[in-house]
């Protein structure tokens, strides 16, 4: 797994995110056997990512943060383009934009597709926080990264991990705001 560290600024405090990114060579290790959606070995070769807040001088409510992930993919086999606000399935009917939330949260994803030959799949993942900790629905992004994969003639190829920018966050706000209308998404990153 490739390891990347990303610094962030939150309420004037400097922290760091550690991102582990690589190829899913062992889907059972990453929990695919628990999903019961299809045979775990079909997820081999797709990317796997885990991002953790590895350093943050804040504690308790001051360290409450979340991960927001927006996925865009096109299945060229069917000419279908989709935007997904990546939340856990058990929270999909709620009005929460979080993929993960908590004190120094960790996000994990290991996407895969079956029965398709040509797909372009990309994700923008952002670490966010609420200025008043947990009291309001106001989000400020502080850092992020971009990643994904392509399937070409049935062969999977992971895209390189890249740092997200404030412009990437801004590009996603046009989709996040209507979907999560009860939330306020700050356009500027902390420290920008």
C-alpha atoms as a PDB file:
ATOM      1  CA  UNK A   1       0.000   0.000   0.000  1.00  0.00           C
ATOM      2  CA  UNK A   2       1.196   3.485  -0.860  1.00  0.00           C
ATOM      3  CA  UNK A   3       1.142   5.879   2.117  1.00  0.00           C
ATOM      4  CA  UNK A   4       0.521   9.607   1.667  1.00  0.00           C
ATOM      5  CA  UNK A   5       0.293  12.221   4.405  1.00  0.00           C
ATOM      6  CA  UNK A   6      -1.811  15.335   3.985  1.00  0.00           C
ATOM      7  CA  UNK A   7      -1.551  18.271   6.395  1.00  0.00           C
ATOM      8  CA  UNK A   8      -4.692  20.177   7.369  1.00  0.00           C
ATOM      9  CA  UNK A   9      -5.658  23.254   9.346  1.00  0.00           C
ATOM     10  CA  UNK A  10      -8.716  23.237  11.609  1.00  0.00           C
ATOM     11  CA  UNK A  11      -9.600  26.140  13.916  1.00  0.00           C
ATOM     12  CA  UNK A  12      -5.980  27.289  13.773  1.00  0.00           C
ATOM     13  CA  UNK A  13      -4.606  23.854  14.719  1.00  0.00           C
ATOM     14  CA  UNK A  14      -2.415  21.812  12.389  1.00  0.00           C
ATOM     15  CA  UNK A  15      -3.205  18.145  11.913  1.00  0.00           C
ATOM     16  CA  UNK A  16      -2.395  15.378   9.493  1.00  0.00           C
ATOM     17  CA  UNK A  17      -4.258  12.710   7.548  1.00  0.00           C
ATOM     18  CA  UNK A  18      -2.550   9.444   6.587  1.00  0.00           C
ATOM     19  CA  UNK A  19      -3.907   7.829   3.434  1.00  0.00           C
ATOM     20  CA  UNK A  20      -3.143   4.195   2.597  1.00  0.00           C
ATOM     21  CA  UNK A  21      -3.945   3.400  -1.035  1.00  0.00           C
ATOM     22  CA  UNK A  22      -3.329   0.381  -3.194  1.00  0.00           C
ATOM     23  CA  UNK A  23      -4.732  -2.584  -5.071  1.00  0.00           C
ATOM     24  CA  UNK A  24      -7.216  -4.913  -3.439  1.00  0.00           C
ATOM     25  CA  UNK A  25      -5.311  -8.193  -3.668  1.00  0.00           C
ATOM     26  CA  UNK A  26      -7.245  -9.821  -0.815  1.00  0.00           C
ATOM     27  CA  UNK A  27     -10.952  -8.846  -0.747  1.00  0.00           C
ATOM     28  CA  UNK A  28     -11.665 -11.199   2.177  1.00  0.00           C
ATOM     29  CA  UNK A  29      -9.057  -9.344   4.252  1.00  0.00           C
ATOM     30  CA  UNK A  30     -10.937  -6.087   3.483  1.00  0.00           C
ATOM     31  CA  UNK A  31     -14.303  -7.549   4.552  1.00  0.00           C
ATOM     32  CA  UNK A  32     -15.852  -8.484   1.216  1.00  0.00           C
ATOM     33  CA  UNK A  33     -16.879 -11.868   2.637  1.00  0.00           C
ATOM     34  CA  UNK A  34     -19.262 -10.039   4.991  1.00  0.00           C
ATOM     35  CA  UNK A  35     -21.058  -8.130   2.244  1.00  0.00           C
ATOM     36  CA  UNK A  36     -22.715 -11.146   0.597  1.00  0.00           C
ATOM     37  CA  UNK A  37     -23.240  -9.232  -2.641  1.00  0.00           C
ATOM     38  CA  UNK A  38     -21.071 -11.368  -4.930  1.00  0.00           C
ATOM     39  CA  UNK A  39     -18.031 -13.600  -4.717  1.00  0.00           C
ATOM     40  CA  UNK A  40     -15.219 -11.688  -2.958  1.00  0.00           C
ATOM     41  CA  UNK A  41     -12.600 -12.642  -5.554  1.00  0.00           C
ATOM     42  CA  UNK A  42     -14.463 -10.496  -8.120  1.00  0.00           C
ATOM     43  CA  UNK A  43     -13.197  -7.417  -6.241  1.00  0.00           C
ATOM     44  CA  UNK A  44      -9.539  -8.303  -6.839  1.00  0.00           C
ATOM     45  CA  UNK A  45      -7.564  -5.676  -8.696  1.00  0.00           C
ATOM     46  CA  UNK A  46      -9.794  -2.751  -7.721  1.00  0.00           C
ATOM     47  CA  UNK A  47      -8.383   0.003  -5.478  1.00  0.00           C
ATOM     48  CA  UNK A  48      -8.695   0.088  -1.714  1.00  0.00           C
ATOM     49  CA  UNK A  49      -8.245   3.230   0.388  1.00  0.00           C
ATOM     50  CA  UNK A  50      -8.152   4.000   4.083  1.00  0.00           C
ATOM     51  CA  UNK A  51      -7.660   7.560   5.349  1.00  0.00           C
ATOM     52  CA  UNK A  52      -7.149   8.298   9.036  1.00  0.00           C
ATOM     53  CA  UNK A  53      -6.752  11.476  11.008  1.00  0.00           C
ATOM     54  CA  UNK A  54      -3.335  10.472  12.304  1.00  0.00           C
ATOM     55  CA  UNK A  55      -2.443  13.690  14.077  1.00  0.00           C
ATOM     56  CA  UNK A  56      -4.712  16.314  15.611  1.00  0.00           C
ATOM     57  CA  UNK A  57      -3.967  18.361  18.734  1.00  0.00           C
ATOM     58  CA  UNK A  58      -7.688  18.814  19.491  1.00  0.00           C
ATOM     59  CA  UNK A  59      -9.560  16.443  21.798  1.00  0.00           C
ATOM     60  CA  UNK A  60     -13.156  15.425  22.473  1.00  0.00           C
ATOM     61  CA  UNK A  61     -15.686  17.633  20.720  1.00  0.00           C
ATOM     62  CA  UNK A  62     -12.806  19.641  19.296  1.00  0.00           C
ATOM     63  CA  UNK A  63     -11.697  16.576  17.325  1.00  0.00           C
ATOM     64  CA  UNK A  64     -15.147  15.690  15.920  1.00  0.00           C
ATOM     65  CA  UNK A  65     -14.826  15.572  12.141  1.00  0.00           C
ATOM     66  CA  UNK A  66     -16.281  13.745   9.192  1.00  0.00           C
ATOM     67  CA  UNK A  67     -15.475  12.430   5.750  1.00  0.00           C
ATOM     68  CA  UNK A  68     -17.600  13.441   2.764  1.00  0.00           C
ATOM     69  CA  UNK A  69     -17.072  11.513  -0.463  1.00  0.00           C
ATOM     70  CA  UNK A  70     -18.602  12.269  -3.851  1.00  0.00           C
ATOM     71  CA  UNK A  71     -18.288   9.539  -6.483  1.00  0.00           C
ATOM     72  CA  UNK A  72     -18.831  10.032 -10.193  1.00  0.00           C
ATOM     73  CA  UNK A  73     -18.847   7.136 -12.593  1.00  0.00           C
ATOM     74  CA  UNK A  74     -19.763   6.348 -16.144  1.00  0.00           C
ATOM     75  CA  UNK A  75     -20.562   2.839 -17.344  1.00  0.00           C
ATOM     76  CA  UNK A  76     -19.752   3.071 -21.030  1.00  0.00           C
ATOM     77  CA  UNK A  77     -21.373  -0.323 -21.685  1.00  0.00           C
ATOM     78  CA  UNK A  78     -24.801   1.233 -20.967  1.00  0.00           C
ATOM     79  CA  UNK A  79     -23.904   4.939 -21.399  1.00  0.00           C
ATOM     80  CA  UNK A  80     -24.968   5.564 -17.790  1.00  0.00           C
ATOM     81  CA  UNK A  81     -23.423   8.440 -15.771  1.00  0.00           C
ATOM     82  CA  UNK A  82     -24.076   8.595 -12.031  1.00  0.00           C
ATOM     83  CA  UNK A  83     -23.190  10.811  -9.053  1.00  0.00           C
ATOM     84  CA  UNK A  84     -23.156   9.050  -5.676  1.00  0.00           C
ATOM     85  CA  UNK A  85     -22.961  10.753  -2.296  1.00  0.00           C
ATOM     86  CA  UNK A  86     -21.117   7.947  -0.580  1.00  0.00           C
ATOM     87  CA  UNK A  87     -22.792   7.257   2.752  1.00  0.00           C
ATOM     88  CA  UNK A  88     -23.096   3.876   4.474  1.00  0.00           C
ATOM     89  CA  UNK A  89     -26.154   2.002   3.121  1.00  0.00           C
ATOM     90  CA  UNK A  90     -27.785   1.904   6.556  1.00  0.00           C
ATOM     91  CA  UNK A  91     -27.762   5.750   6.541  1.00  0.00           C
ATOM     92  CA  UNK A  92     -28.802   6.235   2.909  1.00  0.00           C
ATOM     93  CA  UNK A  93     -32.345   7.342   3.839  1.00  0.00           C
ATOM     94  CA  UNK A  94     -31.086   9.965   6.281  1.00  0.00           C
ATOM     95  CA  UNK A  95     -30.023  13.501   5.556  1.00  0.00           C
ATOM     96  CA  UNK A  96     -26.374  13.046   6.487  1.00  0.00           C
ATOM     97  CA  UNK A  97     -23.554  13.689   4.010  1.00  0.00           C
ATOM     98  CA  UNK A  98     -20.987  11.757   6.075  1.00  0.00           C
ATOM     99  CA  UNK A  99     -19.238   8.658   4.842  1.00  0.00           C
ATOM    100  CA  UNK A 100     -17.632   8.485   8.302  1.00  0.00           C
ATOM    101  CA  UNK A 101     -17.929  10.700  11.392  1.00  0.00           C
ATOM    102  CA  UNK A 102     -16.426  10.845  14.859  1.00  0.00           C
ATOM    103  CA  UNK A 103     -13.398  11.842  16.875  1.00  0.00           C
ATOM    104  CA  UNK A 104     -10.428  11.724  14.465  1.00  0.00           C
ATOM    105  CA  UNK A 105     -12.427   9.570  12.013  1.00  0.00           C
ATOM    106  CA  UNK A 106     -11.165   7.013   9.546  1.00  0.00           C
ATOM    107  CA  UNK A 107     -12.766   6.482   6.160  1.00  0.00           C
ATOM    108  CA  UNK A 108     -12.491   3.264   4.207  1.00  0.00           C
ATOM    109  CA  UNK A 109     -13.576   2.311   0.722  1.00  0.00           C
ATOM    110  CA  UNK A 110     -12.954  -0.644  -1.575  1.00  0.00           C
ATOM    111  CA  UNK A 111     -15.266  -0.196  -4.572  1.00  0.00           C
ATOM    112  CA  UNK A 112     -15.793  -2.696  -7.352  1.00  0.00           C
ATOM    113  CA  UNK A 113     -18.030  -3.412 -10.338  1.00  0.00           C
ATOM    114  CA  UNK A 114     -19.087  -6.725 -11.840  1.00  0.00           C
ATOM    115  CA  UNK A 115     -20.437  -7.637 -15.260  1.00  0.00           C
ATOM    116  CA  UNK A 116     -19.163  -4.511 -17.040  1.00  0.00           C
ATOM    117  CA  UNK A 117     -16.316  -4.033 -19.493  1.00  0.00           C
ATOM    118  CA  UNK A 118     -15.743  -0.253 -19.595  1.00  0.00           C
ATOM    119  CA  UNK A 119     -16.128   2.122 -16.643  1.00  0.00           C
ATOM    120  CA  UNK A 120     -14.596   5.401 -15.491  1.00  0.00           C
ATOM    121  CA  UNK A 121     -14.929   5.790 -11.692  1.00  0.00           C
ATOM    122  CA  UNK A 122     -13.591   8.708  -9.611  1.00  0.00           C
ATOM    123  CA  UNK A 123     -14.001   9.857  -6.018  1.00  0.00           C
ATOM    124  CA  UNK A 124     -13.326  13.134  -4.272  1.00  0.00           C
ATOM    125  CA  UNK A 125     -12.878  12.541  -0.520  1.00  0.00           C
ATOM    126  CA  UNK A 126     -12.851  15.483   1.916  1.00  0.00           C
ATOM    127  CA  UNK A 127     -12.161  15.827   5.632  1.00  0.00           C
ATOM    128  CA  UNK A 128     -14.722  18.246   7.069  1.00  0.00           C
ATOM    129  CA  UNK A 129     -15.708  19.640  10.454  1.00  0.00           C
ATOM    130  CA  UNK A 130     -18.437  21.756  12.033  1.00  0.00           C
ATOM    131  CA  UNK A 131     -17.250  25.025  13.644  1.00  0.00           C
ATOM    132  CA  UNK A 132     -19.463  24.461  16.726  1.00  0.00           C
ATOM    133  CA  UNK A 133     -18.396  20.797  17.001  1.00  0.00           C
ATOM    134  CA  UNK A 134     -21.673  18.856  16.758  1.00  0.00           C
ATOM    135  CA  UNK A 135     -24.429  21.432  17.236  1.00  0.00           C
ATOM    136  CA  UNK A 136     -25.189  22.631  13.710  1.00  0.00           C
ATOM    137  CA  UNK A 137     -25.301  21.370  10.135  1.00  0.00           C
ATOM    138  CA  UNK A 138     -22.496  23.623   8.954  1.00  0.00           C
ATOM    139  CA  UNK A 139     -19.503  22.007   7.248  1.00  0.00           C
ATOM    140  CA  UNK A 140     -16.053  23.368   6.495  1.00  0.00           C
ATOM    141  CA  UNK A 141     -13.628  21.304   4.406  1.00  0.00           C
ATOM    142  CA  UNK A 142     -10.031  21.256   5.479  1.00  0.00           C
ATOM    143  CA  UNK A 143      -8.261  18.839   3.090  1.00  0.00           C
ATOM    144  CA  UNK A 144      -8.973  16.039   0.686  1.00  0.00           C
ATOM    145  CA  UNK A 145      -7.785  13.672  -1.998  1.00  0.00           C
ATOM    146  CA  UNK A 146      -8.885  12.296  -5.352  1.00  0.00           C
ATOM    147  CA  UNK A 147      -8.686   8.700  -6.471  1.00  0.00           C
ATOM    148  CA  UNK A 148     -10.421   6.133  -8.639  1.00  0.00           C
ATOM    149  CA  UNK A 149     -10.094   3.513 -11.333  1.00  0.00           C
ATOM    150  CA  UNK A 150     -10.923   2.672 -14.910  1.00  0.00           C
ATOM    151  CA  UNK A 151     -12.107  -0.597 -16.419  1.00  0.00           C
ATOM    152  CA  UNK A 152     -11.054  -0.904 -20.048  1.00  0.00           C
ATOM    153  CA  UNK A 153     -12.111  -4.025 -21.952  1.00  0.00           C
ATOM    154  CA  UNK A 154     -12.609  -5.765 -18.606  1.00  0.00           C
ATOM    155  CA  UNK A 155      -9.165  -4.872 -17.192  1.00  0.00           C
ATOM    156  CA  UNK A 156      -9.078  -2.774 -13.998  1.00  0.00           C
ATOM    157  CA  UNK A 157      -6.515  -0.019 -13.553  1.00  0.00           C
ATOM    158  CA  UNK A 158      -6.318   2.136 -10.423  1.00  0.00           C
ATOM    159  CA  UNK A 159      -5.804   5.862 -10.883  1.00  0.00           C
ATOM    160  CA  UNK A 160      -3.035   7.627  -9.012  1.00  0.00           C
ATOM    161  CA  UNK A 161      -3.979   9.243  -5.716  1.00  0.00           C
ATOM    162  CA  UNK A 162      -3.879  13.032  -5.897  1.00  0.00           C
ATOM    163  CA  UNK A 163      -4.424  15.857  -3.453  1.00  0.00           C
ATOM    164  CA  UNK A 164      -7.776  17.591  -3.726  1.00  0.00           C
ATOM    165  CA  UNK A 165      -7.903  21.372  -3.889  1.00  0.00           C
ATOM    166  CA  UNK A 166     -10.352  23.995  -2.741  1.00  0.00           C
ATOM    167  CA  UNK A 167     -11.480  24.130  -6.381  1.00  0.00           C
ATOM    168  CA  UNK A 168     -12.357  20.409  -6.218  1.00  0.00           C
ATOM    169  CA  UNK A 169     -14.463  21.108  -3.128  1.00  0.00           C
ATOM    170  CA  UNK A 170     -16.152  24.003  -4.898  1.00  0.00           C
ATOM    171  CA  UNK A 171     -16.891  21.839  -7.952  1.00  0.00           C
ATOM    172  CA  UNK A 172     -18.741  19.361  -5.716  1.00  0.00           C
ATOM    173  CA  UNK A 173     -20.810  21.965  -3.861  1.00  0.00           C
ATOM    174  CA  UNK A 174     -23.203  22.315  -6.810  1.00  0.00           C
ATOM    175  CA  UNK A 175     -24.183  18.674  -6.264  1.00  0.00           C
ATOM    176  CA  UNK A 176     -23.900  18.484  -2.453  1.00  0.00           C
ATOM    177  CA  UNK A 177     -26.061  21.526  -1.664  1.00  0.00           C
ATOM    178  CA  UNK A 178     -29.263  20.367  -3.401  1.00  0.00           C
ATOM    179  CA  UNK A 179     -28.931  16.790  -2.108  1.00  0.00           C
ATOM    180  CA  UNK A 180     -28.304  17.907   1.507  1.00  0.00           C
ATOM    181  CA  UNK A 181     -30.377  21.092   1.540  1.00  0.00           C
ATOM    182  CA  UNK A 182     -30.576  21.270   5.356  1.00  0.00           C
ATOM    183  CA  UNK A 183     -26.765  21.531   5.543  1.00  0.00           C
ATOM    184  CA  UNK A 184     -24.623  24.617   5.001  1.00  0.00           C
ATOM    185  CA  UNK A 185     -21.411  23.911   3.077  1.00  0.00           C
ATOM    186  CA  UNK A 186     -18.764  26.597   3.492  1.00  0.00           C
ATOM    187  CA  UNK A 187     -17.154  27.340   0.094  1.00  0.00           C
ATOM    188  CA  UNK A 188     -13.710  28.223   1.496  1.00  0.00           C
ATOM    189  CA  UNK A 189     -11.430  25.696   3.139  1.00  0.00           C
ATOM    190  CA  UNK A 190     -10.160  26.408   6.625  1.00  0.00           C
ATOM    191  CA  UNK A 191      -6.917  28.299   6.276  1.00  0.00           C
ATOM    192  CA  UNK A 192      -7.583  29.247   2.637  1.00  0.00           C
END
